[in-house]
Amino acid sequence: MLGTVEFHYGTRDKIGYACRLLRKAYRSGASVAVTGALPDLKALDRQLWVFDDVEFLPHVLAASEQAMPDRLLETAIWLTQDPRQAPGERSILINIGQSLPEGMDRYPRVFDIVSSEEQDRQLGRQRWKAYAGQGWQVNPHEIQE
Protein backbone atom coordinates (compact mmCIF):
# COMPACT_ATOMS: atom_id res chain seq x y z
CA MET A 1 0.00 0.00 0.00
CA LEU A 2 1.13 3.52 -0.73
CA GLY A 3 0.86 6.30 1.86
CA THR A 4 -2.12 8.11 3.27
CA VAL A 5 -4.35 10.74 1.68
CA GLU A 6 -6.02 13.05 4.17
CA PHE A 7 -9.06 14.17 2.19
CA HIS A 8 -10.30 17.51 3.59
CA TYR A 9 -13.58 18.55 2.00
CA GLY A 10 -16.25 21.21 2.32
CA THR A 11 -14.26 24.41 2.86
CA ARG A 12 -15.66 27.72 1.64
CA ASP A 13 -12.12 29.16 1.34
CA LYS A 14 -9.61 26.67 -0.07
CA ILE A 15 -6.67 29.12 0.05
CA GLY A 16 -7.37 30.23 3.62
CA TYR A 17 -7.75 26.63 4.73
CA ALA A 18 -4.45 25.74 3.04
CA CYS A 19 -2.76 28.57 4.97
CA ARG A 20 -4.00 27.20 8.29
CA LEU A 21 -2.94 23.68 7.34
CA LEU A 22 0.51 24.93 6.29
CA ARG A 23 0.93 26.80 9.58
CA LYS A 24 0.19 23.60 11.49
CA ALA A 25 2.60 21.57 9.32
CA TYR A 26 5.34 24.21 9.64
CA ARG A 27 4.98 24.35 13.42
CA SER A 28 5.38 20.56 13.52
CA GLY A 29 8.67 20.82 11.60
CA ALA A 30 7.40 19.22 8.38
CA SER A 31 8.77 20.04 4.94
CA VAL A 32 5.86 20.51 2.56
CA ALA A 33 5.18 20.84 -1.14
CA VAL A 34 1.93 22.41 -2.31
CA THR A 35 0.65 21.78 -5.81
CA GLY A 36 -2.16 23.15 -7.94
CA ALA A 37 -2.83 25.48 -10.83
CA LEU A 38 -0.50 28.48 -11.10
CA PRO A 39 -3.23 31.09 -10.37
CA ASP A 40 -4.12 29.22 -7.16
CA LEU A 41 -0.47 28.92 -6.15
CA LYS A 42 0.01 32.65 -6.73
CA ALA A 43 -3.08 33.39 -4.61
CA LEU A 44 -1.72 31.13 -1.86
CA ASP A 45 1.67 32.86 -2.08
CA ARG A 46 0.02 36.26 -1.60
CA GLN A 47 -2.15 34.99 1.25
CA LEU A 48 0.80 33.42 3.09
CA TRP A 49 2.37 36.88 3.36
CA VAL A 50 -0.62 38.43 5.13
CA PHE A 51 -2.82 35.80 6.77
CA ASP A 52 -1.06 35.84 10.17
CA ASP A 53 0.02 39.14 11.73
CA VAL A 54 2.51 37.55 14.11
CA GLU A 55 4.00 34.56 12.33
CA PHE A 56 5.70 34.29 8.94
CA LEU A 57 5.65 30.99 7.09
CA PRO A 58 8.78 30.72 4.93
CA HIS A 59 7.81 29.61 1.46
CA VAL A 60 8.96 29.67 -2.16
CA LEU A 61 6.78 29.98 -5.25
CA ALA A 62 8.57 27.95 -7.92
CA ALA A 63 6.56 29.27 -10.86
CA SER A 64 9.17 29.11 -13.59
CA GLU A 65 11.64 26.67 -15.06
CA GLN A 66 14.55 28.76 -13.82
CA ALA A 67 16.85 27.22 -11.23
CA MET A 68 16.34 28.48 -7.68
CA PRO A 69 19.26 29.87 -5.71
CA ASP A 70 20.73 27.24 -3.37
CA ARG A 71 19.73 29.25 -0.30
CA LEU A 72 16.04 28.72 -1.17
CA LEU A 73 16.21 24.94 -1.63
CA GLU A 74 15.85 24.25 2.09
CA THR A 75 12.72 26.42 2.45
CA ALA A 76 10.11 24.50 4.44
CA ILE A 77 7.15 25.24 2.14
CA TRP A 78 7.54 24.85 -1.60
CA LEU A 79 4.69 25.95 -3.93
CA THR A 80 4.96 24.27 -7.33
CA GLN A 81 2.84 23.06 -10.22
CA ASP A 82 5.05 19.96 -10.40
CA PRO A 83 5.64 18.35 -7.00
CA ARG A 84 8.29 16.10 -8.52
CA GLN A 85 10.49 19.21 -8.73
CA ALA A 86 10.34 20.10 -5.02
CA PRO A 87 13.87 19.76 -3.64
CA GLY A 88 14.95 17.45 -0.84
CA GLU A 89 12.92 15.05 1.22
CA ARG A 90 9.44 16.36 1.86
CA SER A 91 7.03 14.50 4.08
CA ILE A 92 3.79 16.15 2.98
CA LEU A 93 2.19 17.08 -0.33
CA ILE A 94 -0.85 19.38 -0.24
CA ASN A 95 -3.03 19.39 -3.34
CA ILE A 96 -5.14 22.50 -3.88
CA GLY A 97 -5.60 21.63 -7.55
CA GLN A 98 -8.39 19.86 -9.35
CA SER A 99 -6.44 16.91 -10.73
CA LEU A 100 -4.40 14.05 -9.33
CA PRO A 101 -0.89 15.36 -8.58
CA GLU A 102 1.99 14.00 -10.65
CA GLY A 103 4.71 12.27 -8.66
CA MET A 104 2.63 12.00 -5.51
CA ASP A 105 4.04 8.55 -4.76
CA ARG A 106 7.21 10.34 -3.60
CA TYR A 107 5.28 11.63 -0.57
CA PRO A 108 4.22 9.43 2.34
CA ARG A 109 1.33 11.73 3.18
CA VAL A 110 -0.92 13.73 0.87
CA PHE A 111 -3.53 16.29 1.89
CA ASP A 112 -6.19 16.97 -0.73
CA ILE A 113 -8.33 20.07 -0.10
CA VAL A 114 -11.75 20.23 -1.73
CA SER A 115 -14.00 23.29 -1.58
CA SER A 116 -17.76 23.28 -1.20
CA GLU A 117 -18.21 24.44 -4.83
CA GLU A 118 -20.05 21.82 -6.88
CA GLN A 119 -17.48 21.44 -9.68
CA ASP A 120 -14.62 21.12 -7.18
CA ARG A 121 -16.63 18.55 -5.20
CA GLN A 122 -17.24 16.46 -8.35
CA LEU A 123 -13.57 16.53 -9.28
CA GLY A 124 -12.69 15.72 -5.67
CA ARG A 125 -14.86 12.59 -5.83
CA GLN A 126 -12.99 11.50 -8.95
CA ARG A 127 -9.64 12.03 -7.21
CA TRP A 128 -10.85 10.06 -4.17
CA LYS A 129 -11.67 7.09 -6.41
CA ALA A 130 -8.33 7.40 -8.19
CA TYR A 131 -6.37 7.55 -4.91
CA ALA A 132 -8.18 4.48 -3.58
CA GLY A 133 -7.77 2.68 -6.91
CA GLN A 134 -4.01 3.22 -6.77
CA GLY A 135 -3.80 1.75 -3.27
CA TRP A 136 -3.66 4.88 -1.12
CA GLN A 137 -5.43 4.81 2.24
CA VAL A 138 -7.96 7.68 2.04
CA ASN A 139 -9.12 9.30 5.30
CA PRO A 140 -12.08 11.69 5.03
CA HIS A 141 -12.19 14.93 7.04
CA GLU A 142 -15.28 17.10 6.68
CA ILE A 143 -14.38 20.74 7.31
CA GLN A 144 -16.74 22.49 9.73
CA GLU A 145 -16.46 26.24 9.23
C-alpha atoms as a PDB file:
ATOM      1  CA  MET A   1       0.000   0.000   0.000  1.00  0.00           C
ATOM      2  CA  LEU A   2       1.134   3.516  -0.731  1.00  0.00           C
ATOM      3  CA  GLY A   3       0.864   6.299   1.858  1.00  0.00           C
ATOM      4  CA  THR A   4      -2.115   8.113   3.273  1.00  0.00           C
ATOM      5  CA  VAL A   5      -4.354  10.737   1.683  1.00  0.00           C
ATOM      6  CA  GLU A   6      -6.023  13.055   4.167  1.00  0.00           C
ATOM      7  CA  PHE A   7      -9.055  14.169   2.193  1.00  0.00           C
ATOM      8  CA  HIS A   8     -10.303  17.508   3.587  1.00  0.00           C
ATOM      9  CA  TYR A   9     -13.581  18.548   1.999  1.00  0.00           C
ATOM     10  CA  GLY A  10     -16.254  21.212   2.316  1.00  0.00           C
ATOM     11  CA  THR A  11     -14.262  24.411   2.862  1.00  0.00           C
ATOM     12  CA  ARG A  12     -15.657  27.720   1.637  1.00  0.00           C
ATOM     13  CA  ASP A  13     -12.119  29.156   1.338  1.00  0.00           C
ATOM     14  CA  LYS A  14      -9.609  26.674  -0.072  1.00  0.00           C
ATOM     15  CA  ILE A  15      -6.674  29.119   0.047  1.00  0.00           C
ATOM     16  CA  GLY A  16      -7.374  30.232   3.623  1.00  0.00           C
ATOM     17  CA  TYR A  17      -7.748  26.634   4.729  1.00  0.00           C
ATOM     18  CA  ALA A  18      -4.448  25.738   3.044  1.00  0.00           C
ATOM     19  CA  CYS A  19      -2.755  28.572   4.972  1.00  0.00           C
ATOM     20  CA  ARG A  20      -4.000  27.201   8.288  1.00  0.00           C
ATOM     21  CA  LEU A  21      -2.937  23.677   7.339  1.00  0.00           C
ATOM     22  CA  LEU A  22       0.508  24.931   6.294  1.00  0.00           C
ATOM     23  CA  ARG A  23       0.925  26.800   9.576  1.00  0.00           C
ATOM     24  CA  LYS A  24       0.195  23.596  11.491  1.00  0.00           C
ATOM     25  CA  ALA A  25       2.604  21.573   9.321  1.00  0.00           C
ATOM     26  CA  TYR A  26       5.335  24.208   9.636  1.00  0.00           C
ATOM     27  CA  ARG A  27       4.980  24.349  13.421  1.00  0.00           C
ATOM     28  CA  SER A  28       5.379  20.561  13.525  1.00  0.00           C
ATOM     29  CA  GLY A  29       8.669  20.823  11.603  1.00  0.00           C
ATOM     30  CA  ALA A  30       7.398  19.224   8.378  1.00  0.00           C
ATOM     31  CA  SER A  31       8.772  20.037   4.940  1.00  0.00           C
ATOM     32  CA  VAL A  32       5.860  20.511   2.564  1.00  0.00           C
ATOM     33  CA  ALA A  33       5.183  20.835  -1.143  1.00  0.00           C
ATOM     34  CA  VAL A  34       1.931  22.409  -2.313  1.00  0.00           C
ATOM     35  CA  THR A  35       0.651  21.778  -5.811  1.00  0.00           C
ATOM     36  CA  GLY A  36      -2.163  23.147  -7.936  1.00  0.00           C
ATOM     37  CA  ALA A  37      -2.829  25.479 -10.833  1.00  0.00           C
ATOM     38  CA  LEU A  38      -0.501  28.477 -11.102  1.00  0.00           C
ATOM     39  CA  PRO A  39      -3.226  31.090 -10.369  1.00  0.00           C
ATOM     40  CA  ASP A  40      -4.121  29.216  -7.159  1.00  0.00           C
ATOM     41  CA  LEU A  41      -0.474  28.920  -6.145  1.00  0.00           C
ATOM     42  CA  LYS A  42       0.011  32.650  -6.729  1.00  0.00           C
ATOM     43  CA  ALA A  43      -3.082  33.393  -4.614  1.00  0.00           C
ATOM     44  CA  LEU A  44      -1.721  31.133  -1.863  1.00  0.00           C
ATOM     45  CA  ASP A  45       1.674  32.856  -2.081  1.00  0.00           C
ATOM     46  CA  ARG A  46       0.017  36.263  -1.602  1.00  0.00           C
ATOM     47  CA  GLN A  47      -2.150  34.986   1.253  1.00  0.00           C
ATOM     48  CA  LEU A  48       0.796  33.419   3.092  1.00  0.00           C
ATOM     49  CA  TRP A  49       2.375  36.880   3.364  1.00  0.00           C
ATOM     50  CA  VAL A  50      -0.621  38.428   5.132  1.00  0.00           C
ATOM     51  CA  PHE A  51      -2.815  35.797   6.772  1.00  0.00           C
ATOM     52  CA  ASP A  52      -1.060  35.839  10.166  1.00  0.00           C
ATOM     53  CA  ASP A  53       0.016  39.142  11.732  1.00  0.00           C
ATOM     54  CA  VAL A  54       2.512  37.549  14.112  1.00  0.00           C
ATOM     55  CA  GLU A  55       4.000  34.563  12.327  1.00  0.00           C
ATOM     56  CA  PHE A  56       5.698  34.292   8.943  1.00  0.00           C
ATOM     57  CA  LEU A  57       5.647  30.987   7.085  1.00  0.00           C
ATOM     58  CA  PRO A  58       8.779  30.716   4.935  1.00  0.00           C
ATOM     59  CA  HIS A  59       7.811  29.613   1.458  1.00  0.00           C
ATOM     60  CA  VAL A  60       8.964  29.669  -2.157  1.00  0.00           C
ATOM     61  CA  LEU A  61       6.784  29.976  -5.246  1.00  0.00           C
ATOM     62  CA  ALA A  62       8.565  27.954  -7.920  1.00  0.00           C
ATOM     63  CA  ALA A  63       6.559  29.274 -10.857  1.00  0.00           C
ATOM     64  CA  SER A  64       9.170  29.113 -13.592  1.00  0.00           C
ATOM     65  CA  GLU A  65      11.640  26.666 -15.061  1.00  0.00           C
ATOM     66  CA  GLN A  66      14.551  28.761 -13.816  1.00  0.00           C
ATOM     67  CA  ALA A  67      16.849  27.221 -11.228  1.00  0.00           C
ATOM     68  CA  MET A  68      16.343  28.481  -7.685  1.00  0.00           C
ATOM     69  CA  PRO A  69      19.263  29.865  -5.709  1.00  0.00           C
ATOM     70  CA  ASP A  70      20.734  27.236  -3.372  1.00  0.00           C
ATOM     71  CA  ARG A  71      19.734  29.252  -0.304  1.00  0.00           C
ATOM     72  CA  LEU A  72      16.037  28.718  -1.168  1.00  0.00           C
ATOM     73  CA  LEU A  73      16.213  24.941  -1.629  1.00  0.00           C
ATOM     74  CA  GLU A  74      15.851  24.254   2.093  1.00  0.00           C
ATOM     75  CA  THR A  75      12.722  26.419   2.447  1.00  0.00           C
ATOM     76  CA  ALA A  76      10.106  24.504   4.437  1.00  0.00           C
ATOM     77  CA  ILE A  77       7.149  25.241   2.141  1.00  0.00           C
ATOM     78  CA  TRP A  78       7.538  24.853  -1.604  1.00  0.00           C
ATOM     79  CA  LEU A  79       4.688  25.954  -3.931  1.00  0.00           C
ATOM     80  CA  THR A  80       4.957  24.267  -7.329  1.00  0.00           C
ATOM     81  CA  GLN A  81       2.838  23.055 -10.224  1.00  0.00           C
ATOM     82  CA  ASP A  82       5.048  19.958 -10.404  1.00  0.00           C
ATOM     83  CA  PRO A  83       5.645  18.354  -6.996  1.00  0.00           C
ATOM     84  CA  ARG A  84       8.293  16.097  -8.523  1.00  0.00           C
ATOM     85  CA  GLN A  85      10.489  19.214  -8.733  1.00  0.00           C
ATOM     86  CA  ALA A  86      10.345  20.099  -5.019  1.00  0.00           C
ATOM     87  CA  PRO A  87      13.868  19.764  -3.639  1.00  0.00           C
ATOM     88  CA  GLY A  88      14.951  17.453  -0.842  1.00  0.00           C
ATOM     89  CA  GLU A  89      12.916  15.052   1.219  1.00  0.00           C
ATOM     90  CA  ARG A  90       9.436  16.364   1.858  1.00  0.00           C
ATOM     91  CA  SER A  91       7.030  14.498   4.084  1.00  0.00           C
ATOM     92  CA  ILE A  92       3.787  16.148   2.980  1.00  0.00           C
ATOM     93  CA  LEU A  93       2.186  17.084  -0.328  1.00  0.00           C
ATOM     94  CA  ILE A  94      -0.847  19.379  -0.242  1.00  0.00           C
ATOM     95  CA  ASN A  95      -3.031  19.394  -3.341  1.00  0.00           C
ATOM     96  CA  ILE A  96      -5.136  22.504  -3.883  1.00  0.00           C
ATOM     97  CA  GLY A  97      -5.597  21.633  -7.553  1.00  0.00           C
ATOM     98  CA  GLN A  98      -8.393  19.861  -9.349  1.00  0.00           C
ATOM     99  CA  SER A  99      -6.438  16.913 -10.726  1.00  0.00           C
ATOM    100  CA  LEU A 100      -4.401  14.052  -9.327  1.00  0.00           C
ATOM    101  CA  PRO A 101      -0.887  15.356  -8.581  1.00  0.00           C
ATOM    102  CA  GLU A 102       1.988  13.996 -10.651  1.00  0.00           C
ATOM    103  CA  GLY A 103       4.706  12.272  -8.662  1.00  0.00           C
ATOM    104  CA  MET A 104       2.633  12.003  -5.505  1.00  0.00           C
ATOM    105  CA  ASP A 105       4.037   8.551  -4.760  1.00  0.00           C
ATOM    106  CA  ARG A 106       7.210  10.342  -3.597  1.00  0.00           C
ATOM    107  CA  TYR A 107       5.284  11.625  -0.571  1.00  0.00           C
ATOM    108  CA  PRO A 108       4.222   9.426   2.341  1.00  0.00           C
ATOM    109  CA  ARG A 109       1.330  11.729   3.185  1.00  0.00           C
ATOM    110  CA  VAL A 110      -0.924  13.732   0.874  1.00  0.00           C
ATOM    111  CA  PHE A 111      -3.535  16.288   1.893  1.00  0.00           C
ATOM    112  CA  ASP A 112      -6.191  16.972  -0.728  1.00  0.00           C
ATOM    113  CA  ILE A 113      -8.328  20.070  -0.104  1.00  0.00           C
ATOM    114  CA  VAL A 114     -11.754  20.230  -1.730  1.00  0.00           C
ATOM    115  CA  SER A 115     -13.996  23.289  -1.579  1.00  0.00           C
ATOM    116  CA  SER A 116     -17.760  23.283  -1.198  1.00  0.00           C
ATOM    117  CA  GLU A 117     -18.214  24.437  -4.831  1.00  0.00           C
ATOM    118  CA  GLU A 118     -20.051  21.816  -6.880  1.00  0.00           C
ATOM    119  CA  GLN A 119     -17.477  21.436  -9.679  1.00  0.00           C
ATOM    120  CA  ASP A 120     -14.625  21.119  -7.185  1.00  0.00           C
ATOM    121  CA  ARG A 121     -16.630  18.551  -5.202  1.00  0.00           C
ATOM    122  CA  GLN A 122     -17.243  16.463  -8.345  1.00  0.00           C
ATOM    123  CA  LEU A 123     -13.569  16.530  -9.278  1.00  0.00           C
ATOM    124  CA  GLY A 124     -12.692  15.716  -5.669  1.00  0.00           C
ATOM    125  CA  ARG A 125     -14.858  12.593  -5.827  1.00  0.00           C
ATOM    126  CA  GLN A 126     -12.988  11.502  -8.955  1.00  0.00           C
ATOM    127  CA  ARG A 127      -9.642  12.026  -7.208  1.00  0.00           C
ATOM    128  CA  TRP A 128     -10.849  10.060  -4.168  1.00  0.00           C
ATOM    129  CA  LYS A 129     -11.673   7.090  -6.406  1.00  0.00           C
ATOM    130  CA  ALA A 130      -8.327   7.397  -8.190  1.00  0.00           C
ATOM    131  CA  TYR A 131      -6.372   7.547  -4.912  1.00  0.00           C
ATOM    132  CA  ALA A 132      -8.177   4.478  -3.577  1.00  0.00           C
ATOM    133  CA  GLY A 133      -7.771   2.682  -6.915  1.00  0.00           C
ATOM    134  CA  GLN A 134      -4.008   3.222  -6.766  1.00  0.00           C
ATOM    135  CA  GLY A 135      -3.797   1.749  -3.274  1.00  0.00           C
ATOM    136  CA  TRP A 136      -3.664   4.876  -1.121  1.00  0.00           C
ATOM    137  CA  GLN A 137      -5.431   4.813   2.243  1.00  0.00           C
ATOM    138  CA  VAL A 138      -7.961   7.677   2.044  1.00  0.00           C
ATOM    139  CA  ASN A 139      -9.121   9.300   5.296  1.00  0.00           C
ATOM    140  CA  PRO A 140     -12.082  11.695   5.026  1.00  0.00           C
ATOM    141  CA  HIS A 141     -12.191  14.935   7.041  1.00  0.00           C
ATOM    142  CA  GLU A 142     -15.277  17.103   6.683  1.00  0.00           C
ATOM    143  CA  ILE A 143     -14.384  20.739   7.309  1.00  0.00           C
ATOM    144  CA  GLN A 144     -16.738  22.485   9.726  1.00  0.00           C
ATOM    145  CA  GLU A 145     -16.457  26.243   9.230  1.00  0.00           C
END
